[in-house]
Structures are given as structure tokens and as C-alpha cells.
Amino acid sequence: MNRNEIAVIICNYNGGEDTVKCIDAVIKSKDIKCDIYVVDNASTDGSVERIGRQFGESVTIVQNAENLGGSGGFGRGLRMAVEGEYPYIMMLDNDAYVDTDTIQKLQRYPEEKPD
């Protein structure tokens, strides 16, 4: 069973600097706790090691043996989130940086407007 309601999936391919900024923005989200999954598409730039060093157990890193592209990377992350029975799943490109209230607003919207 998952410990948080929201799974955030970030796809990475040789984008360590962007991915670190993206993860940092998610972690700084206010009033929200997420489980962050970084799906790496066989990066060769050391980004997996950097993410692991910087975020440790705060992030789950899933490594693909080859570059499956965005759809393959997100697909793998989505399967994990669905198997984890998360009620909310968010996919972020590694160069997207969310405002501190973005995830909170996205989670509340369907709850406040069920129709």
C-alpha cells in the first residue's frame, strides 16, 4: 500500500540538471505529500547517480535498460502507480517546474467539482 495519495512520475533521459530542479519543485509543494518516481531511460550522463545522491530515499528511481522514449518511460511509471493504487497520478516532463500550489490545486479540483 502506498503511503501518499499522489504519485508523481518524472521521465528522464540525460537531463540531470532539469530533473533535479523538477524534483525539487515537487518536494517544495505546499500541503501535499507525493511519492516521486523518476523513470530513467538509460541515461549516460550520471543523472541517476546525481538524483540518488541528492534525494536518497525521497525518490524512487526506476531504470530502463534502453531509451524507451517519453511514452515508454511514462508507461512504465503509470503501470507502477496503477499497481500501487494511487487515487491521483501526475506525469511531469523533467523540464517542468510546478508552482508550490499546483499539485494541491489539481488534487482539490475533482474533489470540489465531482461533476
Protein backbone atom coordinates (compact mmCIF):
# COMPACT_ATOMS: atom_id res chain seq x y z
CA MET A 1 0.00 0.00 0.00
CA ASN A 2 1.25 3.46 -0.85
CA ARG A 3 1.96 5.99 1.88
CA ASN A 4 0.70 9.06 -0.01
CA GLU A 5 -2.30 9.67 -2.29
CA ILE A 6 -0.34 11.17 -5.18
CA ALA A 7 2.23 9.52 -7.40
CA VAL A 8 4.34 11.94 -9.43
CA ILE A 9 6.10 10.34 -12.38
CA ILE A 10 9.05 12.13 -13.96
CA CYS A 11 10.70 10.77 -17.08
CA ASN A 12 14.43 11.40 -17.50
CA TYR A 13 16.94 10.88 -20.29
CA ASN A 14 20.30 12.59 -19.82
CA GLY A 15 18.60 15.57 -18.20
CA GLY A 16 20.08 15.53 -14.72
CA GLU A 17 20.06 19.27 -14.09
CA ASP A 18 16.45 19.69 -15.23
CA THR A 19 15.30 16.59 -13.40
CA VAL A 20 16.85 17.77 -10.13
CA LYS A 21 15.04 21.13 -10.47
CA CYS A 22 11.78 19.36 -11.28
CA ILE A 23 12.04 17.06 -8.25
CA ASP A 24 12.95 20.00 -6.03
CA ALA A 25 9.87 21.92 -7.18
CA VAL A 26 7.62 18.92 -6.41
CA ILE A 27 9.16 18.48 -2.97
CA LYS A 28 8.57 22.17 -2.21
CA SER A 29 4.84 21.85 -2.97
CA LYS A 30 2.83 23.12 -0.04
CA ASP A 31 0.40 21.00 1.96
CA ILE A 32 0.96 17.99 -0.30
CA LYS A 33 2.99 14.83 0.08
CA CYS A 34 3.77 12.85 -3.02
CA ASP A 35 5.59 9.67 -3.87
CA ILE A 36 8.02 10.64 -6.61
CA TYR A 37 9.06 8.14 -9.26
CA VAL A 38 11.83 9.02 -11.71
CA VAL A 39 11.82 6.68 -14.69
CA ASP A 40 15.22 6.87 -16.34
CA ASN A 41 15.59 5.90 -19.98
CA ALA A 42 19.16 4.53 -19.86
CA SER A 43 20.88 7.87 -19.23
CA THR A 44 24.63 8.04 -19.68
CA ASP A 45 25.24 11.47 -18.14
CA GLY A 46 25.38 10.39 -14.49
CA SER A 47 21.94 11.81 -13.76
CA VAL A 48 20.74 8.65 -11.99
CA GLU A 49 23.66 8.78 -9.57
CA ARG A 50 23.18 12.51 -9.02
CA ILE A 51 19.46 12.12 -8.29
CA GLY A 52 20.19 9.25 -5.93
CA ARG A 53 22.84 11.23 -4.05
CA GLN A 54 20.77 14.38 -3.83
CA PHE A 55 17.36 12.93 -2.93
CA GLY A 56 18.10 9.48 -1.50
CA GLU A 57 15.00 7.60 -0.43
CA SER A 58 12.74 10.60 -1.13
CA VAL A 59 12.64 9.46 -4.75
CA THR A 60 12.16 6.03 -6.30
CA ILE A 61 14.40 5.64 -9.34
CA VAL A 62 13.34 3.13 -11.97
CA GLN A 63 15.98 2.40 -14.59
CA ASN A 64 15.13 1.18 -18.07
CA ALA A 65 17.81 -0.85 -19.87
CA GLU A 66 17.24 1.19 -23.03
CA ASN A 67 15.74 4.51 -24.04
CA LEU A 68 12.02 3.82 -24.39
CA GLY A 69 11.20 7.45 -25.10
CA GLY A 70 8.68 9.51 -23.20
CA SER A 71 5.77 7.19 -23.87
CA GLY A 72 7.71 4.10 -22.79
CA GLY A 73 9.10 5.77 -19.70
CA PHE A 74 5.78 7.25 -18.63
CA GLY A 75 4.06 3.96 -19.43
CA ARG A 76 6.32 2.10 -17.03
CA GLY A 77 5.74 4.70 -14.33
CA LEU A 78 1.98 4.64 -14.88
CA ARG A 79 1.89 0.86 -14.51
CA MET A 80 3.69 1.16 -11.19
CA ALA A 81 1.32 3.88 -9.96
CA VAL A 82 -1.77 1.93 -11.00
CA GLU A 83 -0.43 -1.19 -9.27
CA GLY A 84 0.19 0.99 -6.20
CA GLU A 85 -3.48 2.01 -6.28
CA TYR A 86 -2.80 5.74 -6.15
CA PRO A 87 -6.01 7.77 -6.48
CA TYR A 88 -4.04 10.60 -8.12
CA ILE A 89 -1.25 10.29 -10.66
CA MET A 90 0.68 13.19 -12.16
CA MET A 91 3.16 12.93 -15.01
CA LEU A 92 5.78 15.65 -15.42
CA ASP A 93 8.36 16.16 -18.10
CA ASN A 94 11.70 16.62 -16.39
CA ASP A 95 11.94 20.23 -17.57
CA ALA A 96 8.59 21.22 -16.00
CA TYR A 97 8.71 23.10 -12.73
CA VAL A 98 5.47 23.32 -10.76
CA ASP A 99 4.48 26.27 -8.57
CA THR A 100 4.17 25.47 -4.89
CA ASP A 101 0.36 25.22 -5.09
CA THR A 102 -0.05 23.46 -8.47
CA ILE A 103 -0.35 19.89 -7.22
CA GLN A 104 -2.64 20.91 -4.38
CA LYS A 105 -4.99 22.70 -6.80
CA LEU A 106 -5.03 19.75 -9.18
CA GLN A 107 -5.85 17.34 -6.37
CA ARG A 108 -8.64 19.50 -4.95
CA TYR A 109 -10.36 20.29 -8.25
CA PRO A 110 -12.10 16.93 -8.83
CA GLU A 111 -12.99 16.73 -5.15
CA GLU A 112 -14.61 20.18 -5.20
CA LYS A 113 -16.26 19.67 -8.62
CA PRO A 114 -17.21 15.99 -8.88
CA ASP A 115 -19.46 16.67 -11.87
